[in-house]
Amino acid sequence: MKPIRCLVSLHSWERVSADDGSARFRRCRRCGKHDYPDAGDAGNWAAGALGG
């Protein structure tokens, strides 16, 4: 089951690199969701305001 904060799109993002170092992306520390650069923050609109 996903953590409650992740269910409401308040993820705890960390920046990570691909295994071969070719790309950087964000991954949630709690649920493991990936946010690739081309996806933007469309699904996490409150991240800046609420600290997600």
PDB file of N, CA and C in Angstrom:
ATOM      1  N   MET A   1       0.841  -1.177   0.000  1.00  0.00           N
ATOM      2  CA  MET A   1       0.000   0.000   0.000  1.00  0.00           C
ATOM      3  C   MET A   1       0.893   1.250   0.000  1.00  0.00           C
ATOM      4  N   LYS A   2       0.511   2.241  -0.764  1.00  0.00           N
ATOM      5  CA  LYS A   2       1.263   3.486  -0.842  1.00  0.00           C
ATOM      6  C   LYS A   2       1.051   4.326   0.416  1.00  0.00           C
ATOM      7  N   PRO A   3       2.081   5.078   0.805  1.00  0.00           N
ATOM      8  CA  PRO A   3       1.901   6.012   1.924  1.00  0.00           C
ATOM      9  C   PRO A   3       0.817   7.042   1.606  1.00  0.00           C
ATOM     10  N   ILE A   4       0.120   7.513   2.611  1.00  0.00           N
ATOM     11  CA  ILE A   4      -1.004   8.441   2.415  1.00  0.00           C
ATOM     12  C   ILE A   4      -0.569   9.707   1.695  1.00  0.00           C
ATOM     13  N   ARG A   5       0.582  10.276   2.060  1.00  0.00           N
ATOM     14  CA  ARG A   5       1.038  11.503   1.393  1.00  0.00           C
ATOM     15  C   ARG A   5       1.240  11.267  -0.100  1.00  0.00           C
ATOM     16  N   CYS A   6       1.713  10.106  -0.485  1.00  0.00           N
ATOM     17  CA  CYS A   6       1.915   9.801  -1.904  1.00  0.00           C
ATOM     18  C   CYS A   6       0.573   9.615  -2.623  1.00  0.00           C
ATOM     19  N   LEU A   7      -0.415   9.098  -1.935  1.00  0.00           N
ATOM     20  CA  LEU A   7      -1.732   8.928  -2.538  1.00  0.00           C
ATOM     21  C   LEU A   7      -2.350  10.262  -2.943  1.00  0.00           C
ATOM     22  N   VAL A   8      -2.002  11.318  -2.215  1.00  0.00           N
ATOM     23  CA  VAL A   8      -2.525  12.650  -2.537  1.00  0.00           C
ATOM     24  C   VAL A   8      -1.485  13.497  -3.272  1.00  0.00           C
ATOM     25  N   SER A   9      -0.511  12.833  -3.889  1.00  0.00           N
ATOM     26  CA  SER A   9       0.530  13.456  -4.721  1.00  0.00           C
ATOM     27  C   SER A   9       1.434  14.417  -3.973  1.00  0.00           C
ATOM     28  N   LEU A  10       1.702  14.134  -2.703  1.00  0.00           N
ATOM     29  CA  LEU A  10       2.661  14.929  -1.938  1.00  0.00           C
ATOM     30  C   LEU A  10       3.907  14.071  -1.705  1.00  0.00           C
ATOM     31  N   HIS A  11       4.635  13.847  -2.780  1.00  0.00           N
ATOM     32  CA  HIS A  11       5.796  12.976  -2.741  1.00  0.00           C
ATOM     33  C   HIS A  11       6.993  13.665  -2.101  1.00  0.00           C
ATOM     34  N   SER A  12       7.939  12.881  -1.675  1.00  0.00           N
ATOM     35  CA  SER A  12       9.211  13.366  -1.127  1.00  0.00           C
ATOM     36  C   SER A  12      10.287  13.057  -2.169  1.00  0.00           C
ATOM     37  N   TRP A  13      10.531  14.007  -3.079  1.00  0.00           N
ATOM     38  CA  TRP A  13      11.403  13.765  -4.226  1.00  0.00           C
ATOM     39  C   TRP A  13      12.877  13.804  -3.856  1.00  0.00           C
ATOM     40  N   GLU A  14      13.654  12.940  -4.503  1.00  0.00           N
ATOM     41  CA  GLU A  14      15.104  12.983  -4.461  1.00  0.00           C
ATOM     42  C   GLU A  14      15.601  12.878  -5.888  1.00  0.00           C
ATOM     43  N   ARG A  15      16.714  13.534  -6.185  1.00  0.00           N
ATOM     44  CA  ARG A  15      17.289  13.477  -7.531  1.00  0.00           C
ATOM     45  C   ARG A  15      18.218  12.277  -7.606  1.00  0.00           C
ATOM     46  N   VAL A  16      18.045  11.469  -8.656  1.00  0.00           N
ATOM     47  CA  VAL A  16      18.881  10.286  -8.854  1.00  0.00           C
ATOM     48  C   VAL A  16      19.327  10.217 -10.304  1.00  0.00           C
ATOM     49  N   SER A  17      20.367   9.434 -10.554  1.00  0.00           N
ATOM     50  CA  SER A  17      20.878   9.226 -11.903  1.00  0.00           C
ATOM     51  C   SER A  17      20.607   7.792 -12.325  1.00  0.00           C
ATOM     52  N   ALA A  18      20.535   7.598 -13.637  1.00  0.00           N
ATOM     53  CA  ALA A  18      20.397   6.249 -14.177  1.00  0.00           C
ATOM     54  C   ALA A  18      21.672   5.459 -13.851  1.00  0.00           C
ATOM     55  N   ASP A  19      21.592   4.144 -13.881  1.00  0.00           N
ATOM     56  CA  ASP A  19      22.741   3.304 -13.550  1.00  0.00           C
ATOM     57  C   ASP A  19      23.962   3.615 -14.412  1.00  0.00           C
ATOM     58  N   ASP A  20      23.731   3.933 -15.675  1.00  0.00           N
ATOM     59  CA  ASP A  20      24.857   4.218 -16.569  1.00  0.00           C
ATOM     60  C   ASP A  20      25.228   5.703 -16.584  1.00  0.00           C
ATOM     61  N   GLY A  21      24.538   6.522 -15.793  1.00  0.00           N
ATOM     62  CA  GLY A  21      24.850   7.941 -15.684  1.00  0.00           C
ATOM     63  C   GLY A  21      24.358   8.789 -16.842  1.00  0.00           C
ATOM     64  N   SER A  22      23.537   8.235 -17.699  1.00  0.00           N
ATOM     65  CA  SER A  22      23.107   8.946 -18.900  1.00  0.00           C
ATOM     66  C   SER A  22      21.936   9.896 -18.654  1.00  0.00           C
ATOM     67  N   ALA A  23      21.186   9.717 -17.595  1.00  0.00           N
ATOM     68  CA  ALA A  23      20.005  10.560 -17.372  1.00  0.00           C
ATOM     69  C   ALA A  23      19.818  10.814 -15.882  1.00  0.00           C
ATOM     70  N   ARG A  24      19.179  11.938 -15.586  1.00  0.00           N
ATOM     71  CA  ARG A  24      18.816  12.271 -14.205  1.00  0.00           C
ATOM     72  C   ARG A  24      17.303  12.404 -14.134  1.00  0.00           C
ATOM     73  N   PHE A  25      16.745  11.993 -13.023  1.00  0.00           N
ATOM     74  CA  PHE A  25      15.311  12.092 -12.835  1.00  0.00           C
ATOM     75  C   PHE A  25      15.034  12.180 -11.347  1.00  0.00           C
ATOM     76  N   ARG A  26      13.764  12.348 -10.998  1.00  0.00           N
ATOM     77  CA  ARG A  26      13.365  12.394  -9.592  1.00  0.00           C
ATOM     78  C   ARG A  26      12.657  11.096  -9.233  1.00  0.00           C
ATOM     79  N   ARG A  27      12.863  10.647  -7.991  1.00  0.00           N
ATOM     80  CA  ARG A  27      12.196   9.451  -7.480  1.00  0.00           C
ATOM     81  C   ARG A  27      11.709   9.767  -6.079  1.00  0.00           C
ATOM     82  N   CYS A  28      10.508   9.320  -5.762  1.00  0.00           N
ATOM     83  CA  CYS A  28       9.955   9.533  -4.431  1.00  0.00           C
ATOM     84  C   CYS A  28      10.653   8.617  -3.430  1.00  0.00           C
ATOM     85  N   ARG A  29      11.072   9.187  -2.313  1.00  0.00           N
ATOM     86  CA  ARG A  29      11.748   8.402  -1.276  1.00  0.00           C
ATOM     87  C   ARG A  29      10.803   7.403  -0.607  1.00  0.00           C
ATOM     88  N   ARG A  30       9.519   7.719  -0.570  1.00  0.00           N
ATOM     89  CA  ARG A  30       8.563   6.859   0.130  1.00  0.00           C
ATOM     90  C   ARG A  30       7.980   5.753  -0.744  1.00  0.00           C
ATOM     91  N   CYS A  31       7.526   6.093  -1.965  1.00  0.00           N
ATOM     92  CA  CYS A  31       6.824   5.089  -2.772  1.00  0.00           C
ATOM     93  C   CYS A  31       7.594   4.623  -4.003  1.00  0.00           C
ATOM     94  N   GLY A  32       8.689   5.339  -4.366  1.00  0.00           N
ATOM     95  CA  GLY A  32       9.497   4.920  -5.501  1.00  0.00           C
ATOM     96  C   GLY A  32       9.020   5.404  -6.854  1.00  0.00           C
ATOM     97  N   LYS A  33       7.989   6.243  -6.892  1.00  0.00           N
ATOM     98  CA  LYS A  33       7.490   6.762  -8.168  1.00  0.00           C
ATOM     99  C   LYS A  33       8.580   7.575  -8.855  1.00  0.00           C
ATOM    100  N   HIS A  34       8.698   7.432 -10.187  1.00  0.00           N
ATOM    101  CA  HIS A  34       9.668   8.193 -10.976  1.00  0.00           C
ATOM    102  C   HIS A  34       8.989   9.376 -11.635  1.00  0.00           C
ATOM    103  N   ASP A  35       9.699  10.480 -11.706  1.00  0.00           N
ATOM    104  CA  ASP A  35       9.233  11.671 -12.413  1.00  0.00           C
ATOM    105  C   ASP A  35      10.333  12.064 -13.385  1.00  0.00           C
ATOM    106  N   TYR A  36      10.142  11.731 -14.650  1.00  0.00           N
ATOM    107  CA  TYR A  36      11.148  12.006 -15.667  1.00  0.00           C
ATOM    108  C   TYR A  36      11.035  13.452 -16.137  1.00  0.00           C
ATOM    109  N   PRO A  37      12.129  14.056 -16.613  1.00  0.00           N
ATOM    110  CA  PRO A  37      12.126  15.475 -16.997  1.00  0.00           C
ATOM    111  C   PRO A  37      11.034  15.864 -17.995  1.00  0.00           C
ATOM    112  N   ASP A  38      10.728  15.016 -18.956  1.00  0.00           N
ATOM    113  CA  ASP A  38       9.712  15.372 -19.938  1.00  0.00           C
ATOM    114  C   ASP A  38       8.303  15.346 -19.362  1.00  0.00           C
ATOM    115  N   ALA A  39       8.114  14.724 -18.178  1.00  0.00           N
ATOM    116  CA  ALA A  39       6.787  14.646 -17.563  1.00  0.00           C
ATOM    117  C   ALA A  39       6.446  15.928 -16.799  1.00  0.00           C
ATOM    118  N   GLY A  40       7.454  16.653 -16.346  1.00  0.00           N
ATOM    119  CA  GLY A  40       7.198  17.891 -15.598  1.00  0.00           C
ATOM    120  C   GLY A  40       6.535  17.623 -14.267  1.00  0.00           C
ATOM    121  N   ASP A  41       5.846  18.609 -13.730  1.00  0.00           N
ATOM    122  CA  ASP A  41       5.153  18.479 -12.452  1.00  0.00           C
ATOM    123  C   ASP A  41       3.643  18.471 -12.632  1.00  0.00           C
ATOM    124  N   ALA A  42       3.162  18.037 -13.779  1.00  0.00           N
ATOM    125  CA  ALA A  42       1.735  18.093 -14.060  1.00  0.00           C
ATOM    126  C   ALA A  42       0.912  17.330 -13.016  1.00  0.00           C
ATOM    127  N   GLY A  43       1.444  16.220 -12.492  1.00  0.00           N
ATOM    128  CA  GLY A  43       0.689  15.447 -11.520  1.00  0.00           C
ATOM    129  C   GLY A  43       0.939  15.857 -10.089  1.00  0.00           C
ATOM    130  N   ASN A  44       1.812  16.809  -9.861  1.00  0.00           N
ATOM    131  CA  ASN A  44       2.155  17.207  -8.505  1.00  0.00           C
ATOM    132  C   ASN A  44       2.132  18.730  -8.409  1.00  0.00           C
ATOM    133  N   TRP A  45       0.986  19.324  -8.688  1.00  0.00           N
ATOM    134  CA  TRP A  45       0.864  20.778  -8.801  1.00  0.00           C
ATOM    135  C   TRP A  45       1.109  21.513  -7.494  1.00  0.00           C
ATOM    136  N   ALA A  46       0.954  20.867  -6.332  1.00  0.00           N
ATOM    137  CA  ALA A  46       1.115  21.546  -5.055  1.00  0.00           C
ATOM    138  C   ALA A  46       2.508  21.361  -4.460  1.00  0.00           C
ATOM    139  N   ALA A  47       3.426  20.760  -5.177  1.00  0.00           N
ATOM    140  CA  ALA A  47       4.738  20.444  -4.615  1.00  0.00           C
ATOM    141  C   ALA A  47       5.457  21.676  -4.103  1.00  0.00           C
ATOM    142  N   GLY A  48       5.455  22.763  -4.848  1.00  0.00           N
ATOM    143  CA  GLY A  48       6.153  23.971  -4.416  1.00  0.00           C
ATOM    144  C   GLY A  48       5.472  24.638  -3.234  1.00  0.00           C
ATOM    145  N   ALA A  49       4.163  24.637  -3.219  1.00  0.00           N
ATOM    146  CA  ALA A  49       3.415  25.336  -2.170  1.00  0.00           C
ATOM    147  C   ALA A  49       3.386  24.544  -0.862  1.00  0.00           C
ATOM    148  N   LEU A  50       3.335  23.232  -0.965  1.00  0.00           N
ATOM    149  CA  LEU A  50       3.169  22.409   0.239  1.00  0.00           C
ATOM    150  C   LEU A  50       4.415  21.619   0.619  1.00  0.00           C
ATOM    151  N   GLY A  51       5.478  21.785  -0.122  1.00  0.00           N
ATOM    152  CA  GLY A  51       6.727  21.123   0.233  1.00  0.00           C
ATOM    153  C   GLY A  51       6.815  19.670  -0.157  1.00  0.00           C
ATOM    154  N   GLY A  52       5.963  19.199  -1.079  1.00  0.00           N
ATOM    155  CA  GLY A  52       5.923  17.803  -1.482  1.00  0.00           C
ATOM    156  C   GLY A  52       7.092  17.394  -2.217  1.00  0.00           C
TER     157      GLY A  52
END
